[in-house]
Protein backbone atom coordinates (compact mmCIF):
# COMPACT_ATOMS: atom_id res chain seq x y z
CA UNK A 1 0.00 0.00 0.00
CA UNK A 2 1.54 3.27 -1.13
CA UNK A 3 1.51 6.04 1.50
CA UNK A 4 -0.82 8.88 0.50
CA UNK A 5 -1.42 10.87 3.71
CA UNK A 6 0.86 13.84 4.37
CA UNK A 7 2.30 14.51 7.81
CA UNK A 8 0.19 17.64 8.23
CA UNK A 9 -2.94 15.71 7.28
CA UNK A 10 -2.04 13.10 9.89
CA UNK A 11 -1.67 15.93 12.41
CA UNK A 12 -5.10 17.23 11.42
CA UNK A 13 -6.66 13.77 11.84
CA UNK A 14 -4.98 13.44 15.23
CA UNK A 15 -6.37 16.81 16.31
CA UNK A 16 -9.86 15.87 15.16
CA UNK A 17 -9.74 12.62 17.14
CA UNK A 18 -8.46 14.35 20.27
CA UNK A 19 -11.04 17.13 19.97
CA UNK A 20 -13.77 14.53 19.58
CA UNK A 21 -12.66 12.79 22.77
CA UNK A 22 -12.67 16.08 24.71
CA UNK A 23 -16.10 17.01 23.35
CA UNK A 24 -17.65 13.65 24.17
CA UNK A 25 -16.28 13.77 27.71
CA UNK A 26 -17.85 17.21 28.17
CA UNK A 27 -21.27 16.37 26.66
CA UNK A 28 -23.74 13.90 28.14
CA UNK A 29 -26.49 14.26 25.53
CA UNK A 30 -26.31 11.22 23.22
CA UNK A 31 -27.85 13.04 20.25
CA UNK A 32 -25.34 15.88 20.43
CA UNK A 33 -22.45 13.42 20.76
CA UNK A 34 -23.73 11.59 17.66
CA UNK A 35 -23.73 14.82 15.66
CA UNK A 36 -20.21 15.75 16.84
CA UNK A 37 -18.94 12.32 15.88
CA UNK A 38 -20.53 12.54 12.43
CA UNK A 39 -18.95 15.96 11.87
CA UNK A 40 -15.50 14.68 12.86
CA UNK A 41 -15.84 11.68 10.55
CA UNK A 42 -16.94 13.96 7.69
CA UNK A 43 -13.77 16.05 8.12
CA UNK A 44 -11.45 13.05 8.37
CA UNK A 45 -12.86 10.82 5.60
CA UNK A 46 -11.66 12.88 2.57
CA UNK A 47 -8.06 12.61 3.82
CA UNK A 48 -8.02 8.80 3.91
CA UNK A 49 -7.46 6.59 0.85
CA UNK A 50 -10.82 5.08 -0.16
CA UNK A 51 -11.58 1.38 -0.29
CA UNK A 52 -8.62 0.43 1.87
CA UNK A 53 -9.07 -2.03 4.75
CA UNK A 54 -7.24 0.29 7.14
CA UNK A 55 -9.53 3.18 6.21
CA UNK A 56 -12.64 1.04 6.58
CA UNK A 57 -11.55 -0.24 10.00
CA UNK A 58 -10.55 3.24 11.20
CA UNK A 59 -13.87 4.85 10.23
CA UNK A 60 -15.88 1.91 11.54
CA UNK A 61 -14.21 2.30 14.92
CA UNK A 62 -15.00 6.02 14.99
CA UNK A 63 -18.62 5.32 14.08
CA UNK A 64 -19.27 2.52 16.57
CA UNK A 65 -16.89 2.89 19.53
CA UNK A 66 -16.53 5.61 22.12
CA UNK A 67 -12.94 6.76 22.07
CA UNK A 68 -10.80 7.25 25.16
CA UNK A 69 -7.42 8.90 25.74
CA UNK A 70 -5.92 5.44 26.16
CA UNK A 71 -7.35 3.97 22.96
CA UNK A 72 -6.75 6.94 20.64
CA UNK A 73 -2.98 6.40 20.14
CA UNK A 74 -3.57 2.77 19.20
CA UNK A 75 -6.22 3.75 16.66
CA UNK A 76 -4.11 6.52 15.14
CA UNK A 77 -1.12 4.17 14.90
CA UNK A 78 -3.03 2.07 12.36
CA UNK A 79 -2.76 5.00 9.91
CA UNK A 80 1.02 5.39 10.17
CA UNK A 81 1.81 2.99 7.27
CA UNK A 82 -0.28 5.27 5.03
CA UNK A 83 1.62 8.44 6.00
CA UNK A 84 4.38 9.77 3.72
CA UNK A 85 7.43 10.03 6.04
CA UNK A 86 9.93 12.86 5.99
CA UNK A 87 13.01 11.61 4.09
CA UNK A 88 16.02 10.45 6.08
CA UNK A 89 18.95 12.48 4.80
CA UNK A 90 22.55 11.37 4.83
CA UNK A 91 25.33 13.46 6.35
CA UNK A 92 26.43 14.41 2.83
CA UNK A 93 22.93 15.44 1.78
CA UNK A 94 22.52 17.64 4.87
CA UNK A 95 25.93 19.20 4.35
CA UNK A 96 24.92 20.24 0.83
CA UNK A 97 21.89 22.04 2.26
CA UNK A 98 24.11 23.94 4.72
CA UNK A 99 27.25 24.61 2.69
CA UNK A 100 28.32 27.59 4.81
CA UNK A 101 28.20 25.67 8.09
CA UNK A 102 31.69 24.33 8.82
CA UNK A 103 30.66 21.91 11.56
CA UNK A 104 27.03 20.90 11.31
CA UNK A 105 25.58 19.06 14.29
CA UNK A 106 23.33 16.36 12.91
CA UNK A 107 19.75 15.88 14.12
CA UNK A 108 19.04 12.86 16.32
CA UNK A 109 17.41 10.75 13.63
CA UNK A 110 16.70 7.83 15.96
CA UNK A 111 14.53 10.08 18.14
CA UNK A 112 12.43 11.48 15.29
CA UNK A 113 8.92 10.37 14.34
CA UNK A 114 9.28 10.85 10.59
CA UNK A 115 5.55 10.33 9.93
CA UNK A 116 4.87 13.45 12.02
CA UNK A 117 7.32 15.75 10.22
CA UNK A 118 6.24 18.24 7.60
CA UNK A 119 9.62 19.90 8.11
CA UNK A 120 12.76 18.99 10.04
CA UNK A 121 14.04 21.32 12.73
CA UNK A 122 16.69 20.91 15.41
CA UNK A 123 18.47 23.18 17.88
CA UNK A 124 22.17 23.61 18.61
CA UNK A 125 22.09 24.95 22.16
CA UNK A 126 25.85 25.50 22.23
CA UNK A 127 25.79 28.04 19.40
CA UNK A 128 22.17 29.22 19.90
CA UNK A 129 21.41 28.14 16.34
CA UNK A 130 18.39 26.45 14.86
CA UNK A 131 18.45 24.50 11.62
CA UNK A 132 15.45 23.91 9.37
CA UNK A 133 15.04 21.57 6.42
CA UNK A 134 11.74 22.02 4.67
CA UNK A 135 9.99 21.61 1.31
CA UNK A 136 9.84 24.83 -0.68
CA UNK A 137 8.68 24.96 -4.30
CA UNK A 138 9.01 21.18 -4.71
CA UNK A 139 12.51 20.88 -3.28
CA UNK A 140 14.11 20.66 0.14
CA UNK A 141 15.94 23.75 1.35
CA UNK A 142 18.11 24.26 4.40
CA UNK A 143 17.96 27.39 6.56
CA UNK A 144 20.09 28.24 9.58
CA UNK A 145 19.32 31.04 11.99
CA UNK A 146 19.90 32.42 15.45
CA UNK A 147 17.42 31.24 18.07
CA UNK A 148 16.95 33.58 20.99
CA UNK A 149 17.62 31.95 24.38
CA UNK A 150 14.47 33.51 25.84
CA UNK A 151 11.25 31.52 25.48
CA UNK A 152 7.94 33.36 25.67
CA UNK A 153 4.30 32.44 25.27
CA UNK A 154 3.09 33.49 21.85
CA UNK A 155 1.88 32.56 18.38
CA UNK A 156 4.15 30.35 16.27
CA UNK A 157 4.52 31.64 12.70
CA UNK A 158 4.76 28.07 11.40
CA UNK A 159 2.01 26.09 13.14
CA UNK A 160 -0.19 29.08 14.06
CA UNK A 161 -0.59 27.77 17.61
CA UNK A 162 -0.09 29.56 20.94
CA UNK A 163 2.79 27.98 22.83
CA UNK A 164 6.42 28.32 23.92
CA UNK A 165 8.10 30.29 21.13
CA UNK A 166 11.47 31.95 20.57
CA UNK A 167 12.65 34.49 18.03
CA UNK A 168 14.32 32.92 14.98
CA UNK A 169 16.40 35.26 12.83
CA UNK A 170 18.30 34.40 9.65
CA UNK A 171 20.54 36.36 7.30
CA UNK A 172 18.56 36.63 4.10
CA UNK A 173 20.70 38.93 1.96
CA UNK A 174 24.14 40.47 1.78
CA UNK A 175 24.93 43.68 -0.05
CA UNK A 176 28.56 42.62 -0.54
CA UNK A 177 29.77 45.65 1.43
CA UNK A 178 29.64 44.14 4.89
CA UNK A 179 25.96 44.86 5.50
CA UNK A 180 23.29 42.20 5.83
CA UNK A 181 19.54 41.94 5.90
CA UNK A 182 18.09 39.77 8.65
CA UNK A 183 14.51 38.56 8.90
CA UNK A 184 12.62 36.22 11.15
CA UNK A 185 9.69 35.59 13.42
CA UNK A 186 8.66 33.75 16.55
CA UNK A 187 8.42 29.98 16.15
CA UNK A 188 8.11 26.98 18.46
CA UNK A 189 11.36 26.16 20.22
CA UNK A 190 10.38 22.48 20.03
CA UNK A 191 10.10 21.62 16.34
CA UNK A 192 8.67 18.15 17.03
CA UNK A 193 5.77 19.70 18.94
CA UNK A 194 5.39 22.32 16.20
CA UNK A 195 5.01 19.59 13.58
CA UNK A 196 2.33 17.85 15.63
CA UNK A 197 0.40 21.12 15.66
CA UNK A 198 0.94 21.97 11.99
CA UNK A 199 -2.16 21.25 9.90
CA UNK A 200 -1.81 23.83 7.11
CA UNK A 201 1.46 23.86 5.11
CA UNK A 202 0.80 27.35 3.74
CA UNK A 203 1.92 28.96 7.01
CA UNK A 204 5.23 27.09 6.74
CA UNK A 205 5.66 28.22 3.13
CA UNK A 206 4.96 31.83 4.12
CA UNK A 207 7.54 31.64 6.90
CA UNK A 208 10.16 30.14 4.59
CA UNK A 209 9.60 32.94 2.09
CA UNK A 210 10.60 35.43 4.79
CA UNK A 211 13.66 33.68 6.24
CA UNK A 212 15.24 31.90 3.26
CA UNK A 213 18.44 33.39 1.79
CA UNK A 214 17.85 35.61 -1.22
CA UNK A 215 20.27 36.16 -4.07
C-alpha atoms as a PDB file:
ATOM      1  CA  UNK A   1       0.000   0.000   0.000  1.00  0.00           C
ATOM      2  CA  UNK A   2       1.543   3.273  -1.133  1.00  0.00           C
ATOM      3  CA  UNK A   3       1.506   6.042   1.501  1.00  0.00           C
ATOM      4  CA  UNK A   4      -0.822   8.880   0.504  1.00  0.00           C
ATOM      5  CA  UNK A   5      -1.425  10.870   3.710  1.00  0.00           C
ATOM      6  CA  UNK A   6       0.862  13.835   4.371  1.00  0.00           C
ATOM      7  CA  UNK A   7       2.295  14.509   7.812  1.00  0.00           C
ATOM      8  CA  UNK A   8       0.185  17.639   8.234  1.00  0.00           C
ATOM      9  CA  UNK A   9      -2.941  15.705   7.276  1.00  0.00           C
ATOM     10  CA  UNK A  10      -2.038  13.095   9.889  1.00  0.00           C
ATOM     11  CA  UNK A  11      -1.670  15.929  12.414  1.00  0.00           C
ATOM     12  CA  UNK A  12      -5.100  17.228  11.419  1.00  0.00           C
ATOM     13  CA  UNK A  13      -6.655  13.773  11.836  1.00  0.00           C
ATOM     14  CA  UNK A  14      -4.985  13.438  15.233  1.00  0.00           C
ATOM     15  CA  UNK A  15      -6.371  16.811  16.311  1.00  0.00           C
ATOM     16  CA  UNK A  16      -9.859  15.869  15.158  1.00  0.00           C
ATOM     17  CA  UNK A  17      -9.741  12.622  17.136  1.00  0.00           C
ATOM     18  CA  UNK A  18      -8.465  14.354  20.274  1.00  0.00           C
ATOM     19  CA  UNK A  19     -11.041  17.129  19.975  1.00  0.00           C
ATOM     20  CA  UNK A  20     -13.774  14.532  19.582  1.00  0.00           C
ATOM     21  CA  UNK A  21     -12.656  12.794  22.773  1.00  0.00           C
ATOM     22  CA  UNK A  22     -12.667  16.083  24.705  1.00  0.00           C
ATOM     23  CA  UNK A  23     -16.098  17.011  23.353  1.00  0.00           C
ATOM     24  CA  UNK A  24     -17.649  13.649  24.165  1.00  0.00           C
ATOM     25  CA  UNK A  25     -16.280  13.772  27.711  1.00  0.00           C
ATOM     26  CA  UNK A  26     -17.852  17.208  28.174  1.00  0.00           C
ATOM     27  CA  UNK A  27     -21.269  16.373  26.656  1.00  0.00           C
ATOM     28  CA  UNK A  28     -23.741  13.899  28.143  1.00  0.00           C
ATOM     29  CA  UNK A  29     -26.493  14.261  25.529  1.00  0.00           C
ATOM     30  CA  UNK A  30     -26.306  11.223  23.219  1.00  0.00           C
ATOM     31  CA  UNK A  31     -27.847  13.038  20.246  1.00  0.00           C
ATOM     32  CA  UNK A  32     -25.341  15.881  20.430  1.00  0.00           C
ATOM     33  CA  UNK A  33     -22.450  13.416  20.756  1.00  0.00           C
ATOM     34  CA  UNK A  34     -23.726  11.590  17.665  1.00  0.00           C
ATOM     35  CA  UNK A  35     -23.727  14.823  15.658  1.00  0.00           C
ATOM     36  CA  UNK A  36     -20.214  15.746  16.840  1.00  0.00           C
ATOM     37  CA  UNK A  37     -18.944  12.318  15.878  1.00  0.00           C
ATOM     38  CA  UNK A  38     -20.534  12.542  12.427  1.00  0.00           C
ATOM     39  CA  UNK A  39     -18.951  15.960  11.873  1.00  0.00           C
ATOM     40  CA  UNK A  40     -15.500  14.683  12.859  1.00  0.00           C
ATOM     41  CA  UNK A  41     -15.843  11.680  10.548  1.00  0.00           C
ATOM     42  CA  UNK A  42     -16.936  13.962   7.693  1.00  0.00           C
ATOM     43  CA  UNK A  43     -13.770  16.054   8.120  1.00  0.00           C
ATOM     44  CA  UNK A  44     -11.455  13.051   8.373  1.00  0.00           C
ATOM     45  CA  UNK A  45     -12.855  10.819   5.602  1.00  0.00           C
ATOM     46  CA  UNK A  46     -11.657  12.879   2.570  1.00  0.00           C
ATOM     47  CA  UNK A  47      -8.062  12.606   3.820  1.00  0.00           C
ATOM     48  CA  UNK A  48      -8.020   8.796   3.906  1.00  0.00           C
ATOM     49  CA  UNK A  49      -7.463   6.592   0.846  1.00  0.00           C
ATOM     50  CA  UNK A  50     -10.817   5.082  -0.155  1.00  0.00           C
ATOM     51  CA  UNK A  51     -11.575   1.376  -0.285  1.00  0.00           C
ATOM     52  CA  UNK A  52      -8.617   0.427   1.874  1.00  0.00           C
ATOM     53  CA  UNK A  53      -9.070  -2.034   4.754  1.00  0.00           C
ATOM     54  CA  UNK A  54      -7.237   0.295   7.139  1.00  0.00           C
ATOM     55  CA  UNK A  55      -9.528   3.180   6.206  1.00  0.00           C
ATOM     56  CA  UNK A  56     -12.642   1.036   6.578  1.00  0.00           C
ATOM     57  CA  UNK A  57     -11.549  -0.241   9.996  1.00  0.00           C
ATOM     58  CA  UNK A  58     -10.548   3.239  11.203  1.00  0.00           C
ATOM     59  CA  UNK A  59     -13.867   4.848  10.225  1.00  0.00           C
ATOM     60  CA  UNK A  60     -15.881   1.909  11.545  1.00  0.00           C
ATOM     61  CA  UNK A  61     -14.213   2.295  14.920  1.00  0.00           C
ATOM     62  CA  UNK A  62     -15.002   6.016  14.992  1.00  0.00           C
ATOM     63  CA  UNK A  63     -18.618   5.318  14.083  1.00  0.00           C
ATOM     64  CA  UNK A  64     -19.274   2.523  16.569  1.00  0.00           C
ATOM     65  CA  UNK A  65     -16.892   2.885  19.532  1.00  0.00           C
ATOM     66  CA  UNK A  66     -16.529   5.610  22.121  1.00  0.00           C
ATOM     67  CA  UNK A  67     -12.938   6.761  22.069  1.00  0.00           C
ATOM     68  CA  UNK A  68     -10.799   7.254  25.163  1.00  0.00           C
ATOM     69  CA  UNK A  69      -7.424   8.900  25.736  1.00  0.00           C
ATOM     70  CA  UNK A  70      -5.916   5.444  26.156  1.00  0.00           C
ATOM     71  CA  UNK A  71      -7.354   3.967  22.961  1.00  0.00           C
ATOM     72  CA  UNK A  72      -6.752   6.936  20.643  1.00  0.00           C
ATOM     73  CA  UNK A  73      -2.979   6.399  20.142  1.00  0.00           C
ATOM     74  CA  UNK A  74      -3.574   2.766  19.203  1.00  0.00           C
ATOM     75  CA  UNK A  75      -6.225   3.746  16.665  1.00  0.00           C
ATOM     76  CA  UNK A  76      -4.109   6.524  15.142  1.00  0.00           C
ATOM     77  CA  UNK A  77      -1.124   4.174  14.900  1.00  0.00           C
ATOM     78  CA  UNK A  78      -3.033   2.070  12.364  1.00  0.00           C
ATOM     79  CA  UNK A  79      -2.761   4.995   9.913  1.00  0.00           C
ATOM     80  CA  UNK A  80       1.024   5.390  10.173  1.00  0.00           C
ATOM     81  CA  UNK A  81       1.814   2.994   7.274  1.00  0.00           C
ATOM     82  CA  UNK A  82      -0.277   5.269   5.026  1.00  0.00           C
ATOM     83  CA  UNK A  83       1.622   8.445   5.998  1.00  0.00           C
ATOM     84  CA  UNK A  84       4.379   9.767   3.723  1.00  0.00           C
ATOM     85  CA  UNK A  85       7.426  10.032   6.045  1.00  0.00           C
ATOM     86  CA  UNK A  86       9.931  12.855   5.988  1.00  0.00           C
ATOM     87  CA  UNK A  87      13.009  11.607   4.089  1.00  0.00           C
ATOM     88  CA  UNK A  88      16.024  10.445   6.082  1.00  0.00           C
ATOM     89  CA  UNK A  89      18.950  12.480   4.801  1.00  0.00           C
ATOM     90  CA  UNK A  90      22.553  11.367   4.829  1.00  0.00           C
ATOM     91  CA  UNK A  91      25.325  13.463   6.347  1.00  0.00           C
ATOM     92  CA  UNK A  92      26.426  14.410   2.830  1.00  0.00           C
ATOM     93  CA  UNK A  93      22.926  15.445   1.784  1.00  0.00           C
ATOM     94  CA  UNK A  94      22.518  17.637   4.868  1.00  0.00           C
ATOM     95  CA  UNK A  95      25.932  19.199   4.347  1.00  0.00           C
ATOM     96  CA  UNK A  96      24.921  20.239   0.828  1.00  0.00           C
ATOM     97  CA  UNK A  97      21.893  22.042   2.262  1.00  0.00           C
ATOM     98  CA  UNK A  98      24.113  23.945   4.719  1.00  0.00           C
ATOM     99  CA  UNK A  99      27.248  24.607   2.693  1.00  0.00           C
ATOM    100  CA  UNK A 100      28.324  27.589   4.806  1.00  0.00           C
ATOM    101  CA  UNK A 101      28.199  25.666   8.087  1.00  0.00           C
ATOM    102  CA  UNK A 102      31.686  24.326   8.818  1.00  0.00           C
ATOM    103  CA  UNK A 103      30.661  21.906  11.564  1.00  0.00           C
ATOM    104  CA  UNK A 104      27.032  20.901  11.313  1.00  0.00           C
ATOM    105  CA  UNK A 105      25.584  19.060  14.292  1.00  0.00           C
ATOM    106  CA  UNK A 106      23.331  16.360  12.908  1.00  0.00           C
ATOM    107  CA  UNK A 107      19.753  15.882  14.121  1.00  0.00           C
ATOM    108  CA  UNK A 108      19.042  12.860  16.324  1.00  0.00           C
ATOM    109  CA  UNK A 109      17.408  10.752  13.628  1.00  0.00           C
ATOM    110  CA  UNK A 110      16.697   7.835  15.961  1.00  0.00           C
ATOM    111  CA  UNK A 111      14.530  10.083  18.141  1.00  0.00           C
ATOM    112  CA  UNK A 112      12.425  11.485  15.289  1.00  0.00           C
ATOM    113  CA  UNK A 113       8.916  10.368  14.345  1.00  0.00           C
ATOM    114  CA  UNK A 114       9.275  10.851  10.593  1.00  0.00           C
ATOM    115  CA  UNK A 115       5.552  10.333   9.927  1.00  0.00           C
ATOM    116  CA  UNK A 116       4.866  13.449  12.023  1.00  0.00           C
ATOM    117  CA  UNK A 117       7.317  15.751  10.223  1.00  0.00           C
ATOM    118  CA  UNK A 118       6.236  18.244   7.596  1.00  0.00           C
ATOM    119  CA  UNK A 119       9.621  19.898   8.115  1.00  0.00           C
ATOM    120  CA  UNK A 120      12.759  18.990  10.042  1.00  0.00           C
ATOM    121  CA  UNK A 121      14.045  21.325  12.727  1.00  0.00           C
ATOM    122  CA  UNK A 122      16.687  20.915  15.412  1.00  0.00           C
ATOM    123  CA  UNK A 123      18.468  23.184  17.879  1.00  0.00           C
ATOM    124  CA  UNK A 124      22.171  23.611  18.613  1.00  0.00           C
ATOM    125  CA  UNK A 125      22.085  24.951  22.160  1.00  0.00           C
ATOM    126  CA  UNK A 126      25.846  25.496  22.231  1.00  0.00           C
ATOM    127  CA  UNK A 127      25.788  28.042  19.402  1.00  0.00           C
ATOM    128  CA  UNK A 128      22.168  29.224  19.902  1.00  0.00           C
ATOM    129  CA  UNK A 129      21.413  28.144  16.338  1.00  0.00           C
ATOM    130  CA  UNK A 130      18.393  26.450  14.863  1.00  0.00           C
ATOM    131  CA  UNK A 131      18.445  24.502  11.615  1.00  0.00           C
ATOM    132  CA  UNK A 132      15.455  23.908   9.375  1.00  0.00           C
ATOM    133  CA  UNK A 133      15.044  21.568   6.419  1.00  0.00           C
ATOM    134  CA  UNK A 134      11.738  22.022   4.673  1.00  0.00           C
ATOM    135  CA  UNK A 135       9.991  21.607   1.313  1.00  0.00           C
ATOM    136  CA  UNK A 136       9.839  24.832  -0.681  1.00  0.00           C
ATOM    137  CA  UNK A 137       8.685  24.959  -4.295  1.00  0.00           C
ATOM    138  CA  UNK A 138       9.006  21.177  -4.706  1.00  0.00           C
ATOM    139  CA  UNK A 139      12.507  20.882  -3.277  1.00  0.00           C
ATOM    140  CA  UNK A 140      14.108  20.658   0.143  1.00  0.00           C
ATOM    141  CA  UNK A 141      15.939  23.748   1.347  1.00  0.00           C
ATOM    142  CA  UNK A 142      18.106  24.260   4.404  1.00  0.00           C
ATOM    143  CA  UNK A 143      17.964  27.391   6.564  1.00  0.00           C
ATOM    144  CA  UNK A 144      20.086  28.238   9.583  1.00  0.00           C
ATOM    145  CA  UNK A 145      19.317  31.035  11.992  1.00  0.00           C
ATOM    146  CA  UNK A 146      19.902  32.417  15.452  1.00  0.00           C
ATOM    147  CA  UNK A 147      17.418  31.238  18.069  1.00  0.00           C
ATOM    148  CA  UNK A 148      16.945  33.585  20.994  1.00  0.00           C
ATOM    149  CA  UNK A 149      17.616  31.952  24.382  1.00  0.00           C
ATOM    150  CA  UNK A 150      14.470  33.509  25.841  1.00  0.00           C
ATOM    151  CA  UNK A 151      11.250  31.521  25.476  1.00  0.00           C
ATOM    152  CA  UNK A 152       7.938  33.364  25.672  1.00  0.00           C
ATOM    153  CA  UNK A 153       4.296  32.439  25.269  1.00  0.00           C
ATOM    154  CA  UNK A 154       3.089  33.493  21.846  1.00  0.00           C
ATOM    155  CA  UNK A 155       1.876  32.557  18.380  1.00  0.00           C
ATOM    156  CA  UNK A 156       4.155  30.353  16.265  1.00  0.00           C
ATOM    157  CA  UNK A 157       4.518  31.637  12.697  1.00  0.00           C
ATOM    158  CA  UNK A 158       4.759  28.065  11.400  1.00  0.00           C
ATOM    159  CA  UNK A 159       2.007  26.094  13.141  1.00  0.00           C
ATOM    160  CA  UNK A 160      -0.188  29.083  14.058  1.00  0.00           C
ATOM    161  CA  UNK A 161      -0.591  27.774  17.614  1.00  0.00           C
ATOM    162  CA  UNK A 162      -0.093  29.556  20.936  1.00  0.00           C
ATOM    163  CA  UNK A 163       2.790  27.978  22.826  1.00  0.00           C
ATOM    164  CA  UNK A 164       6.417  28.323  23.917  1.00  0.00           C
ATOM    165  CA  UNK A 165       8.101  30.292  21.132  1.00  0.00           C
ATOM    166  CA  UNK A 166      11.466  31.948  20.569  1.00  0.00           C
ATOM    167  CA  UNK A 167      12.649  34.493  18.026  1.00  0.00           C
ATOM    168  CA  UNK A 168      14.323  32.918  14.983  1.00  0.00           C
ATOM    169  CA  UNK A 169      16.402  35.259  12.831  1.00  0.00           C
ATOM    170  CA  UNK A 170      18.302  34.401   9.646  1.00  0.00           C
ATOM    171  CA  UNK A 171      20.535  36.357   7.300  1.00  0.00           C
ATOM    172  CA  UNK A 172      18.559  36.634   4.097  1.00  0.00           C
ATOM    173  CA  UNK A 173      20.696  38.929   1.956  1.00  0.00           C
ATOM    174  CA  UNK A 174      24.140  40.472   1.783  1.00  0.00           C
ATOM    175  CA  UNK A 175      24.934  43.675  -0.049  1.00  0.00           C
ATOM    176  CA  UNK A 176      28.556  42.621  -0.537  1.00  0.00           C
ATOM    177  CA  UNK A 177      29.771  45.654   1.431  1.00  0.00           C
ATOM    178  CA  UNK A 178      29.644  44.136   4.893  1.00  0.00           C
ATOM    179  CA  UNK A 179      25.964  44.859   5.504  1.00  0.00           C
ATOM    180  CA  UNK A 180      23.287  42.195   5.830  1.00  0.00           C
ATOM    181  CA  UNK A 181      19.538  41.943   5.901  1.00  0.00           C
ATOM    182  CA  UNK A 182      18.085  39.772   8.650  1.00  0.00           C
ATOM    183  CA  UNK A 183      14.515  38.560   8.899  1.00  0.00           C
ATOM    184  CA  UNK A 184      12.616  36.222  11.150  1.00  0.00           C
ATOM    185  CA  UNK A 185       9.688  35.593  13.422  1.00  0.00           C
ATOM    186  CA  UNK A 186       8.656  33.752  16.550  1.00  0.00           C
ATOM    187  CA  UNK A 187       8.419  29.983  16.154  1.00  0.00           C
ATOM    188  CA  UNK A 188       8.107  26.975  18.461  1.00  0.00           C
ATOM    189  CA  UNK A 189      11.356  26.159  20.218  1.00  0.00           C
ATOM    190  CA  UNK A 190      10.380  22.478  20.033  1.00  0.00           C
ATOM    191  CA  UNK A 191      10.101  21.616  16.339  1.00  0.00           C
ATOM    192  CA  UNK A 192       8.670  18.153  17.034  1.00  0.00           C
ATOM    193  CA  UNK A 193       5.769  19.702  18.938  1.00  0.00           C
ATOM    194  CA  UNK A 194       5.390  22.317  16.200  1.00  0.00           C
ATOM    195  CA  UNK A 195       5.014  19.587  13.584  1.00  0.00           C
ATOM    196  CA  UNK A 196       2.334  17.849  15.628  1.00  0.00           C
ATOM    197  CA  UNK A 197       0.396  21.121  15.663  1.00  0.00           C
ATOM    198  CA  UNK A 198       0.938  21.969  11.986  1.00  0.00           C
ATOM    199  CA  UNK A 199      -2.158  21.245   9.904  1.00  0.00           C
ATOM    200  CA  UNK A 200      -1.806  23.828   7.111  1.00  0.00           C
ATOM    201  CA  UNK A 201       1.458  23.860   5.112  1.00  0.00           C
ATOM    202  CA  UNK A 202       0.796  27.349   3.742  1.00  0.00           C
ATOM    203  CA  UNK A 203       1.916  28.960   7.006  1.00  0.00           C
ATOM    204  CA  UNK A 204       5.227  27.086   6.736  1.00  0.00           C
ATOM    205  CA  UNK A 205       5.664  28.219   3.127  1.00  0.00           C
ATOM    206  CA  UNK A 206       4.960  31.832   4.121  1.00  0.00           C
ATOM    207  CA  UNK A 207       7.541  31.641   6.901  1.00  0.00           C
ATOM    208  CA  UNK A 208      10.165  30.142   4.592  1.00  0.00           C
ATOM    209  CA  UNK A 209       9.596  32.944   2.085  1.00  0.00           C
ATOM    210  CA  UNK A 210      10.604  35.428   4.794  1.00  0.00           C
ATOM    211  CA  UNK A 211      13.657  33.677   6.242  1.00  0.00           C
ATOM    212  CA  UNK A 212      15.238  31.900   3.261  1.00  0.00           C
ATOM    213  CA  UNK A 213      18.436  33.387   1.793  1.00  0.00           C
ATOM    214  CA  UNK A 214      17.854  35.610  -1.216  1.00  0.00           C
ATOM    215  CA  UNK A 215      20.270  36.161  -4.065  1.00  0.00           C
END
